[in-house]
Amino acid sequence: MSGDSGNRPTGESRESDVTGTVATALAEVLYLDVSQVDLDAGFETLGLDSIIAVEFVAMVKDRLGVAETVESLYERQTPRAFAEHVRRTLVARRAVS
């Protein structure tokens, strides 16, 4: 098993991957460059309304396989907190399988 560990992302890179995917999806639905997405700003501050939030949550589901709700998104308040929630969901899913 140790022979394939070099191909697996580390915990830090997995977190970065999820955060990057969330940031990229958010940038796309808001028509921003990903560099303009402040991961610590509130979703409303970034311009995310309820209609765009539905599109964003669907995009995250398509890209990461995690079905979240708009309510879950707004409970997390920031892209960074939402990405962390998604990452934890993915880790929990892997632990079960």
PDB file of N, CA and C in Angstrom:
ATOM      1  N   MET A   1       0.810  -1.196   0.000  1.00  0.00           N
ATOM      2  CA  MET A   1       0.000   0.000   0.000  1.00  0.00           C
ATOM      3  C   MET A   1       0.853   1.259   0.000  1.00  0.00           C
ATOM      4  N   SER A   2       2.019   1.190   0.610  1.00  0.00           N
ATOM      5  CA  SER A   2       2.867   2.374   0.643  1.00  0.00           C
ATOM      6  C   SER A   2       3.393   2.738  -0.731  1.00  0.00           C
ATOM      7  N   GLY A   3       3.330   1.813  -1.688  1.00  0.00           N
ATOM      8  CA  GLY A   3       3.813   2.098  -3.016  1.00  0.00           C
ATOM      9  C   GLY A   3       2.975   3.104  -3.764  1.00  0.00           C
ATOM     10  N   ASP A   4       1.679   3.216  -3.432  1.00  0.00           N
ATOM     11  CA  ASP A   4       0.832   4.168  -4.152  1.00  0.00           C
ATOM     12  C   ASP A   4       0.605   5.458  -3.394  1.00  0.00           C
ATOM     13  N   SER A   5       1.155   5.588  -2.201  1.00  0.00           N
ATOM     14  CA  SER A   5       0.898   6.787  -1.397  1.00  0.00           C
ATOM     15  C   SER A   5       1.458   8.047  -2.031  1.00  0.00           C
ATOM     16  N   GLY A   6       2.466   7.908  -2.881  1.00  0.00           N
ATOM     17  CA  GLY A   6       3.008   9.077  -3.550  1.00  0.00           C
ATOM     18  C   GLY A   6       2.041   9.676  -4.544  1.00  0.00           C
ATOM     19  N   ASN A   7       1.069   8.908  -4.986  1.00  0.00           N
ATOM     20  CA  ASN A   7       0.079   9.400  -5.941  1.00  0.00           C
ATOM     21  C   ASN A   7      -1.131  10.024  -5.270  1.00  0.00           C
ATOM     22  N   ARG A   8      -1.257   9.820  -3.992  1.00  0.00           N
ATOM     23  CA  ARG A   8      -2.398  10.361  -3.271  1.00  0.00           C
ATOM     24  C   ARG A   8      -2.090  11.765  -2.784  1.00  0.00           C
ATOM     25  N   PRO A   9      -3.088  12.662  -2.911  1.00  0.00           N
ATOM     26  CA  PRO A   9      -2.852  14.003  -2.385  1.00  0.00           C
ATOM     27  C   PRO A   9      -2.758  13.974  -0.862  1.00  0.00           C
ATOM     28  N   THR A  10      -1.953  14.830  -0.308  1.00  0.00           N
ATOM     29  CA  THR A  10      -1.880  14.954   1.145  1.00  0.00           C
ATOM     30  C   THR A  10      -3.148  15.617   1.637  1.00  0.00           C
ATOM     31  N   GLY A  11      -3.371  15.590   2.946  1.00  0.00           N
ATOM     32  CA  GLY A  11      -4.541  16.240   3.513  1.00  0.00           C
ATOM     33  C   GLY A  11      -4.598  17.706   3.133  1.00  0.00           C
ATOM     34  N   GLU A  12      -3.439  18.363   3.154  1.00  0.00           N
ATOM     35  CA  GLU A  12      -3.391  19.781   2.819  1.00  0.00           C
ATOM     36  C   GLU A  12      -3.735  20.019   1.348  1.00  0.00           C
ATOM     37  N   SER A  13      -3.227  19.161   0.464  1.00  0.00           N
ATOM     38  CA  SER A  13      -3.524  19.379  -0.955  1.00  0.00           C
ATOM     39  C   SER A  13      -4.971  19.035  -1.270  1.00  0.00           C
ATOM     40  N   ARG A  14      -5.548  18.035  -0.586  1.00  0.00           N
ATOM     41  CA  ARG A  14      -6.976  17.730  -0.783  1.00  0.00           C
ATOM     42  C   ARG A  14      -7.816  18.933  -0.374  1.00  0.00           C
ATOM     43  N   GLU A  15      -7.478  19.536   0.765  1.00  0.00           N
ATOM     44  CA  GLU A  15      -8.206  20.718   1.225  1.00  0.00           C
ATOM     45  C   GLU A  15      -8.070  21.844   0.216  1.00  0.00           C
ATOM     46  N   SER A  16      -6.863  22.029  -0.285  1.00  0.00           N
ATOM     47  CA  SER A  16      -6.618  23.058  -1.278  1.00  0.00           C
ATOM     48  C   SER A  16      -7.410  22.777  -2.552  1.00  0.00           C
ATOM     49  N   ASP A  17      -7.483  21.504  -2.955  1.00  0.00           N
ATOM     50  CA  ASP A  17      -8.251  21.129  -4.141  1.00  0.00           C
ATOM     51  C   ASP A  17      -9.726  21.480  -3.973  1.00  0.00           C
ATOM     52  N   VAL A  18     -10.298  21.147  -2.828  1.00  0.00           N
ATOM     53  CA  VAL A  18     -11.712  21.446  -2.576  1.00  0.00           C
ATOM     54  C   VAL A  18     -11.915  22.956  -2.539  1.00  0.00           C
ATOM     55  N   THR A  19     -11.052  23.658  -1.842  1.00  0.00           N
ATOM     56  CA  THR A  19     -11.166  25.115  -1.768  1.00  0.00           C
ATOM     57  C   THR A  19     -11.031  25.733  -3.155  1.00  0.00           C
ATOM     58  N   GLY A  20     -10.097  25.244  -3.930  1.00  0.00           N
ATOM     59  CA  GLY A  20      -9.914  25.742  -5.294  1.00  0.00           C
ATOM     60  C   GLY A  20     -11.114  25.472  -6.178  1.00  0.00           C
ATOM     61  N   THR A  21     -11.702  24.294  -6.042  1.00  0.00           N
ATOM     62  CA  THR A  21     -12.892  23.950  -6.825  1.00  0.00           C
ATOM     63  C   THR A  21     -14.064  24.840  -6.439  1.00  0.00           C
ATOM     64  N   VAL A  22     -14.240  25.061  -5.143  1.00  0.00           N
ATOM     65  CA  VAL A  22     -15.313  25.935  -4.673  1.00  0.00           C
ATOM     66  C   VAL A  22     -15.088  27.361  -5.173  1.00  0.00           C
ATOM     67  N   ALA A  23     -13.872  27.853  -5.058  1.00  0.00           N
ATOM     68  CA  ALA A  23     -13.558  29.212  -5.520  1.00  0.00           C
ATOM     69  C   ALA A  23     -13.771  29.357  -7.018  1.00  0.00           C
ATOM     70  N   THR A  24     -13.347  28.366  -7.775  1.00  0.00           N
ATOM     71  CA  THR A  24     -13.510  28.417  -9.234  1.00  0.00           C
ATOM     72  C   THR A  24     -14.982  28.394  -9.623  1.00  0.00           C
ATOM     73  N   ALA A  25     -15.755  27.522  -8.995  1.00  0.00           N
ATOM     74  CA  ALA A  25     -17.190  27.445  -9.295  1.00  0.00           C
ATOM     75  C   ALA A  25     -17.878  28.760  -8.938  1.00  0.00           C
ATOM     76  N   LEU A  26     -17.514  29.337  -7.800  1.00  0.00           N
ATOM     77  CA  LEU A  26     -18.106  30.602  -7.390  1.00  0.00           C
ATOM     78  C   LEU A  26     -17.739  31.714  -8.371  1.00  0.00           C
ATOM     79  N   ALA A  27     -16.494  31.747  -8.777  1.00  0.00           N
ATOM     80  CA  ALA A  27     -16.063  32.753  -9.757  1.00  0.00           C
ATOM     81  C   ALA A  27     -16.861  32.609 -11.050  1.00  0.00           C
ATOM     82  N   GLU A  28     -17.072  31.384 -11.484  1.00  0.00           N
ATOM     83  CA  GLU A  28     -17.816  31.161 -12.724  1.00  0.00           C
ATOM     84  C   GLU A  28     -19.261  31.651 -12.633  1.00  0.00           C
ATOM     85  N   VAL A  29     -19.954  31.335 -11.549  1.00  0.00           N
ATOM     86  CA  VAL A  29     -21.360  31.758 -11.457  1.00  0.00           C
ATOM     87  C   VAL A  29     -21.492  33.261 -11.253  1.00  0.00           C
ATOM     88  N   LEU A  30     -20.449  33.888 -10.709  1.00  0.00           N
ATOM     89  CA  LEU A  30     -20.479  35.335 -10.485  1.00  0.00           C
ATOM     90  C   LEU A  30     -19.798  36.119 -11.612  1.00  0.00           C
ATOM     91  N   TYR A  31     -19.296  35.400 -12.619  1.00  0.00           N
ATOM     92  CA  TYR A  31     -18.583  36.017 -13.746  1.00  0.00           C
ATOM     93  C   TYR A  31     -17.406  36.865 -13.272  1.00  0.00           C
ATOM     94  N   LEU A  32     -16.629  36.262 -12.377  1.00  0.00           N
ATOM     95  CA  LEU A  32     -15.434  36.899 -11.849  1.00  0.00           C
ATOM     96  C   LEU A  32     -14.217  36.069 -12.215  1.00  0.00           C
ATOM     97  N   ASP A  33     -13.060  36.673 -12.148  1.00  0.00           N
ATOM     98  CA  ASP A  33     -11.825  35.915 -12.193  1.00  0.00           C
ATOM     99  C   ASP A  33     -11.666  35.290 -10.810  1.00  0.00           C
ATOM    100  N   VAL A  34     -11.145  34.084 -10.757  1.00  0.00           N
ATOM    101  CA  VAL A  34     -11.004  33.409  -9.468  1.00  0.00           C
ATOM    102  C   VAL A  34     -10.175  34.235  -8.484  1.00  0.00           C
ATOM    103  N   SER A  35      -9.256  35.049  -8.995  1.00  0.00           N
ATOM    104  CA  SER A  35      -8.445  35.899  -8.108  1.00  0.00           C
ATOM    105  C   SER A  35      -9.285  36.968  -7.409  1.00  0.00           C
ATOM    106  N   GLN A  36     -10.476  37.228  -7.905  1.00  0.00           N
ATOM    107  CA  GLN A  36     -11.357  38.224  -7.296  1.00  0.00           C
ATOM    108  C   GLN A  36     -12.246  37.644  -6.190  1.00  0.00           C
ATOM    109  N   VAL A  37     -12.197  36.333  -5.999  1.00  0.00           N
ATOM    110  CA  VAL A  37     -13.024  35.684  -4.982  1.00  0.00           C
ATOM    111  C   VAL A  37     -12.295  35.730  -3.643  1.00  0.00           C
ATOM    112  N   ASP A  38     -12.837  36.517  -2.729  1.00  0.00           N
ATOM    113  CA  ASP A  38     -12.301  36.594  -1.369  1.00  0.00           C
ATOM    114  C   ASP A  38     -12.934  35.458  -0.574  1.00  0.00           C
ATOM    115  N   LEU A  39     -12.142  34.466  -0.232  1.00  0.00           N
ATOM    116  CA  LEU A  39     -12.653  33.276   0.445  1.00  0.00           C
ATOM    117  C   LEU A  39     -13.208  33.556   1.831  1.00  0.00           C
ATOM    118  N   ASP A  40     -12.893  34.715   2.382  1.00  0.00           N
ATOM    119  CA  ASP A  40     -13.366  35.049   3.721  1.00  0.00           C
ATOM    120  C   ASP A  40     -14.487  36.092   3.727  1.00  0.00           C
ATOM    121  N   ALA A  41     -14.926  36.492   2.545  1.00  0.00           N
ATOM    122  CA  ALA A  41     -16.034  37.450   2.443  1.00  0.00           C
ATOM    123  C   ALA A  41     -17.357  36.683   2.489  1.00  0.00           C
ATOM    124  N   GLY A  42     -18.376  37.346   2.972  1.00  0.00           N
ATOM    125  CA  GLY A  42     -19.699  36.733   2.990  1.00  0.00           C
ATOM    126  C   GLY A  42     -20.219  36.529   1.570  1.00  0.00           C
ATOM    127  N   PHE A  43     -21.049  35.506   1.405  1.00  0.00           N
ATOM    128  CA  PHE A  43     -21.589  35.225   0.072  1.00  0.00           C
ATOM    129  C   PHE A  43     -22.361  36.418  -0.491  1.00  0.00           C
ATOM    130  N   GLU A  44     -23.144  37.086   0.352  1.00  0.00           N
ATOM    131  CA  GLU A  44     -23.894  38.240  -0.138  1.00  0.00           C
ATOM    132  C   GLU A  44     -22.963  39.378  -0.542  1.00  0.00           C
ATOM    133  N   THR A  45     -21.897  39.561   0.190  1.00  0.00           N
ATOM    134  CA  THR A  45     -20.915  40.592  -0.146  1.00  0.00           C
ATOM    135  C   THR A  45     -20.299  40.322  -1.522  1.00  0.00           C
ATOM    136  N   LEU A  46     -20.117  39.052  -1.822  1.00  0.00           N
ATOM    137  CA  LEU A  46     -19.551  38.667  -3.116  1.00  0.00           C
ATOM    138  C   LEU A  46     -20.557  38.796  -4.264  1.00  0.00           C
ATOM    139  N   GLY A  47     -21.836  38.948  -3.921  1.00  0.00           N
ATOM    140  CA  GLY A  47     -22.854  39.109  -4.952  1.00  0.00           C
ATOM    141  C   GLY A  47     -23.700  37.873  -5.202  1.00  0.00           C
ATOM    142  N   LEU A  48     -23.606  36.885  -4.331  1.00  0.00           N
ATOM    143  CA  LEU A  48     -24.373  35.657  -4.497  1.00  0.00           C
ATOM    144  C   LEU A  48     -25.785  35.868  -3.967  1.00  0.00           C
ATOM    145  N   ASP A  49     -26.766  35.755  -4.859  1.00  0.00           N
ATOM    146  CA  ASP A  49     -28.160  35.811  -4.415  1.00  0.00           C
ATOM    147  C   ASP A  49     -28.718  34.392  -4.421  1.00  0.00           C
ATOM    148  N   SER A  50     -29.981  34.240  -4.051  1.00  0.00           N
ATOM    149  CA  SER A  50     -30.550  32.901  -3.905  1.00  0.00           C
ATOM    150  C   SER A  50     -30.620  32.139  -5.220  1.00  0.00           C
ATOM    151  N   ILE A  51     -30.860  32.819  -6.309  1.00  0.00           N
ATOM    152  CA  ILE A  51     -30.941  32.145  -7.606  1.00  0.00           C
ATOM    153  C   ILE A  51     -29.557  31.657  -8.038  1.00  0.00           C
ATOM    154  N   ILE A  52     -28.564  32.505  -7.901  1.00  0.00           N
ATOM    155  CA  ILE A  52     -27.199  32.119  -8.253  1.00  0.00           C
ATOM    156  C   ILE A  52     -26.696  31.037  -7.290  1.00  0.00           C
ATOM    157  N   ALA A  53     -27.139  31.096  -6.038  1.00  0.00           N
ATOM    158  CA  ALA A  53     -26.728  30.095  -5.055  1.00  0.00           C
ATOM    159  C   ALA A  53     -27.168  28.696  -5.484  1.00  0.00           C
ATOM    160  N   VAL A  54     -28.353  28.572  -6.054  1.00  0.00           N
ATOM    161  CA  VAL A  54     -28.837  27.272  -6.539  1.00  0.00           C
ATOM    162  C   VAL A  54     -27.908  26.749  -7.630  1.00  0.00           C
ATOM    163  N   GLU A  55     -27.530  27.620  -8.553  1.00  0.00           N
ATOM    164  CA  GLU A  55     -26.613  27.231  -9.624  1.00  0.00           C
ATOM    165  C   GLU A  55     -25.244  26.826  -9.055  1.00  0.00           C
ATOM    166  N   PHE A  56     -24.764  27.585  -8.093  1.00  0.00           N
ATOM    167  CA  PHE A  56     -23.462  27.303  -7.480  1.00  0.00           C
ATOM    168  C   PHE A  56     -23.460  25.959  -6.762  1.00  0.00           C
ATOM    169  N   VAL A  57     -24.481  25.687  -5.972  1.00  0.00           N
ATOM    170  CA  VAL A  57     -24.568  24.422  -5.239  1.00  0.00           C
ATOM    171  C   VAL A  57     -24.630  23.249  -6.220  1.00  0.00           C
ATOM    172  N   ALA A  58     -25.360  23.418  -7.318  1.00  0.00           N
ATOM    173  CA  ALA A  58     -25.429  22.362  -8.341  1.00  0.00           C
ATOM    174  C   ALA A  58     -24.055  22.140  -8.983  1.00  0.00           C
ATOM    175  N   MET A  59     -23.323  23.212  -9.201  1.00  0.00           N
ATOM    176  CA  MET A  59     -21.997  23.110  -9.800  1.00  0.00           C
ATOM    177  C   MET A  59     -21.042  22.369  -8.858  1.00  0.00           C
ATOM    178  N   VAL A  60     -21.111  22.671  -7.577  1.00  0.00           N
ATOM    179  CA  VAL A  60     -20.272  21.983  -6.590  1.00  0.00           C
ATOM    180  C   VAL A  60     -20.622  20.491  -6.565  1.00  0.00           C
ATOM    181  N   LYS A  61     -21.900  20.177  -6.638  1.00  0.00           N
ATOM    182  CA  LYS A  61     -22.322  18.774  -6.669  1.00  0.00           C
ATOM    183  C   LYS A  61     -21.751  18.067  -7.897  1.00  0.00           C
ATOM    184  N   ASP A  62     -21.840  18.705  -9.050  1.00  0.00           N
ATOM    185  CA  ASP A  62     -21.320  18.106 -10.284  1.00  0.00           C
ATOM    186  C   ASP A  62     -19.810  17.872 -10.214  1.00  0.00           C
ATOM    187  N   ARG A  63     -19.093  18.807  -9.624  1.00  0.00           N
ATOM    188  CA  ARG A  63     -17.632  18.735  -9.625  1.00  0.00           C
ATOM    189  C   ARG A  63     -17.047  17.894  -8.501  1.00  0.00           C
ATOM    190  N   LEU A  64     -17.721  17.893  -7.349  1.00  0.00           N
ATOM    191  CA  LEU A  64     -17.167  17.189  -6.191  1.00  0.00           C
ATOM    192  C   LEU A  64     -18.026  16.026  -5.714  1.00  0.00           C
ATOM    193  N   GLY A  65     -19.246  15.923  -6.229  1.00  0.00           N
ATOM    194  CA  GLY A  65     -20.108  14.819  -5.839  1.00  0.00           C
ATOM    195  C   GLY A  65     -20.743  14.968  -4.475  1.00  0.00           C
ATOM    196  N   VAL A  66     -20.810  16.183  -3.980  1.00  0.00           N
ATOM    197  CA  VAL A  66     -21.391  16.447  -2.665  1.00  0.00           C
ATOM    198  C   VAL A  66     -22.673  17.255  -2.854  1.00  0.00           C
ATOM    199  N   ALA A  67     -23.780  16.655  -2.463  1.00  0.00           N
ATOM    200  CA  ALA A  67     -25.075  17.324  -2.608  1.00  0.00           C
ATOM    201  C   ALA A  67     -25.334  18.183  -1.370  1.00  0.00           C
ATOM    202  N   GLU A  68     -25.171  19.469  -1.520  1.00  0.00           N
ATOM    203  CA  GLU A  68     -25.445  20.422  -0.440  1.00  0.00           C
ATOM    204  C   GLU A  68     -26.687  21.223  -0.794  1.00  0.00           C
ATOM    205  N   THR A  69     -27.221  21.890   0.195  1.00  0.00           N
ATOM    206  CA  THR A  69     -28.389  22.743  -0.017  1.00  0.00           C
ATOM    207  C   THR A  69     -27.968  24.205   0.042  1.00  0.00           C
ATOM    208  N   VAL A  70     -28.816  25.058  -0.474  1.00  0.00           N
ATOM    209  CA  VAL A  70     -28.558  26.492  -0.375  1.00  0.00           C
ATOM    210  C   VAL A  70     -28.541  26.898   1.100  1.00  0.00           C
ATOM    211  N   GLU A  71     -29.395  26.284   1.895  1.00  0.00           N
ATOM    212  CA  GLU A  71     -29.418  26.591   3.328  1.00  0.00           C
ATOM    213  C   GLU A  71     -28.076  26.265   3.967  1.00  0.00           C
ATOM    214  N   SER A  72     -27.505  25.118   3.587  1.00  0.00           N
ATOM    215  CA  SER A  72     -26.192  24.725   4.104  1.00  0.00           C
ATOM    216  C   SER A  72     -25.126  25.738   3.701  1.00  0.00           C
ATOM    217  N   LEU A  73     -25.226  26.203   2.470  1.00  0.00           N
ATOM    218  CA  LEU A  73     -24.295  27.207   1.962  1.00  0.00           C
ATOM    219  C   LEU A  73     -24.346  28.467   2.833  1.00  0.00           C
ATOM    220  N   TYR A  74     -25.541  28.984   3.057  1.00  0.00           N
ATOM    221  CA  TYR A  74     -25.672  30.224   3.828  1.00  0.00           C
ATOM    222  C   TYR A  74     -25.359  30.039   5.314  1.00  0.00           C
ATOM    223  N   GLU A  75     -25.518  28.819   5.821  1.00  0.00           N
ATOM    224  CA  GLU A  75     -25.125  28.553   7.210  1.00  0.00           C
ATOM    225  C   GLU A  75     -23.618  28.701   7.382  1.00  0.00           C
ATOM    226  N   ARG A  76     -22.861  28.419   6.332  1.00  0.00           N
ATOM    227  CA  ARG A  76     -21.397  28.497   6.399  1.00  0.00           C
ATOM    228  C   ARG A  76     -20.908  29.927   6.193  1.00  0.00           C
ATOM    229  N   GLN A  77     -21.662  30.768   5.549  1.00  0.00           N
ATOM    230  CA  GLN A  77     -21.448  32.211   5.399  1.00  0.00           C
ATOM    231  C   GLN A  77     -20.303  32.655   4.491  1.00  0.00           C
ATOM    232  N   THR A  78     -19.232  31.877   4.375  1.00  0.00           N
ATOM    233  CA  THR A  78     -18.114  32.283   3.514  1.00  0.00           C
ATOM    234  C   THR A  78     -17.700  31.115   2.617  1.00  0.00           C
ATOM    235  N   PRO A  79     -17.078  31.402   1.495  1.00  0.00           N
ATOM    236  CA  PRO A  79     -16.589  30.318   0.637  1.00  0.00           C
ATOM    237  C   PRO A  79     -15.606  29.387   1.362  1.00  0.00           C
ATOM    238  N   ARG A  80     -14.739  29.941   2.193  1.00  0.00           N
ATOM    239  CA  ARG A  80     -13.763  29.105   2.904  1.00  0.00           C
ATOM    240  C   ARG A  80     -14.475  28.141   3.869  1.00  0.00           C
ATOM    241  N   ALA A  81     -15.443  28.633   4.604  1.00  0.00           N
ATOM    242  CA  ALA A  81     -16.174  27.778   5.543  1.00  0.00           C
ATOM    243  C   ALA A  81     -16.996  26.721   4.798  1.00  0.00           C
ATOM    244  N   PHE A  82     -17.592  27.101   3.676  1.00  0.00           N
ATOM    245  CA  PHE A  82     -18.357  26.142   2.881  1.00  0.00           C
ATOM    246  C   PHE A  82     -17.422  25.073   2.316  1.00  0.00           C
ATOM    247  N   ALA A  83     -16.268  25.465   1.812  1.00  0.00           N
ATOM    248  CA  ALA A  83     -15.297  24.504   1.275  1.00  0.00           C
ATOM    249  C   ALA A  83     -14.840  23.538   2.366  1.00  0.00           C
ATOM    250  N   GLU A  84     -14.615  24.034   3.555  1.00  0.00           N
ATOM    251  CA  GLU A  84     -14.215  23.174   4.670  1.00  0.00           C
ATOM    252  C   GLU A  84     -15.323  22.171   4.990  1.00  0.00           C
ATOM    253  N   HIS A  85     -16.560  22.617   4.965  1.00  0.00           N
ATOM    254  CA  HIS A  85     -17.695  21.716   5.207  1.00  0.00           C
ATOM    255  C   HIS A  85     -17.745  20.625   4.134  1.00  0.00           C
ATOM    256  N   VAL A  86     -17.573  21.010   2.887  1.00  0.00           N
ATOM    257  CA  VAL A  86     -17.572  20.045   1.779  1.00  0.00           C
ATOM    258  C   VAL A  86     -16.414  19.063   1.949  1.00  0.00           C
ATOM    259  N   ARG A  87     -15.239  19.568   2.290  1.00  0.00           N
ATOM    260  CA  ARG A  87     -14.079  18.695   2.492  1.00  0.00           C
ATOM    261  C   ARG A  87     -14.340  17.678   3.594  1.00  0.00           C
ATOM    262  N   ARG A  88     -14.927  18.130   4.696  1.00  0.00           N
ATOM    263  CA  ARG A  88     -15.233  17.213   5.803  1.00  0.00           C
ATOM    264  C   ARG A  88     -16.253  16.159   5.372  1.00  0.00           C
ATOM    265  N   THR A  89     -17.210  16.561   4.570  1.00  0.00           N
ATOM    266  CA  THR A  89     -18.190  15.608   4.049  1.00  0.00           C
ATOM    267  C   THR A  89     -17.504  14.548   3.200  1.00  0.00           C
ATOM    268  N   LEU A  90     -16.584  14.974   2.349  1.00  0.00           N
ATOM    269  CA  LEU A  90     -15.839  14.029   1.506  1.00  0.00           C
ATOM    270  C   LEU A  90     -14.980  13.086   2.346  1.00  0.00           C
ATOM    271  N   VAL A  91     -14.316  13.603   3.365  1.00  0.00           N
ATOM    272  CA  VAL A  91     -13.484  12.782   4.243  1.00  0.00           C
ATOM    273  C   VAL A  91     -14.347  11.756   4.974  1.00  0.00           C
ATOM    274  N   ALA A  92     -15.490  12.188   5.481  1.00  0.00           N
ATOM    275  CA  ALA A  92     -16.395  11.268   6.187  1.00  0.00           C
ATOM    276  C   ALA A  92     -16.895  10.176   5.251  1.00  0.00           C
ATOM    277  N   ARG A  93     -17.185  10.545   4.024  1.00  0.00           N
ATOM    278  CA  ARG A  93     -17.660   9.569   3.042  1.00  0.00           C
ATOM    279  C   ARG A  93     -16.570   8.531   2.768  1.00  0.00           C
ATOM    280  N   ARG A  94     -15.318   8.981   2.639  1.00  0.00           N
ATOM    281  CA  ARG A  94     -14.210   8.054   2.390  1.00  0.00           C
ATOM    282  C   ARG A  94     -13.989   7.122   3.571  1.00  0.00           C
ATOM    283  N   ALA A  95     -14.182   7.639   4.780  1.00  0.00           N
ATOM    284  CA  ALA A  95     -13.974   6.824   5.977  1.00  0.00           C
ATOM    285  C   ALA A  95     -15.005   5.703   6.064  1.00  0.00           C
ATOM    286  N   VAL A  96     -16.193   5.950   5.556  1.00  0.00           N
ATOM    287  CA  VAL A  96     -17.263   4.961   5.603  1.00  0.00           C
ATOM    288  C   VAL A  96     -17.072   3.899   4.523  1.00  0.00           C
ATOM    289  N   SER A  97     -16.553   4.313   3.370  1.00  0.00           N
ATOM    290  CA  SER A  97     -16.428   3.356   2.249  1.00  0.00           C
ATOM    291  C   SER A  97     -15.194   2.508   2.303  1.00  0.00           C
TER     292      SER A  97
END
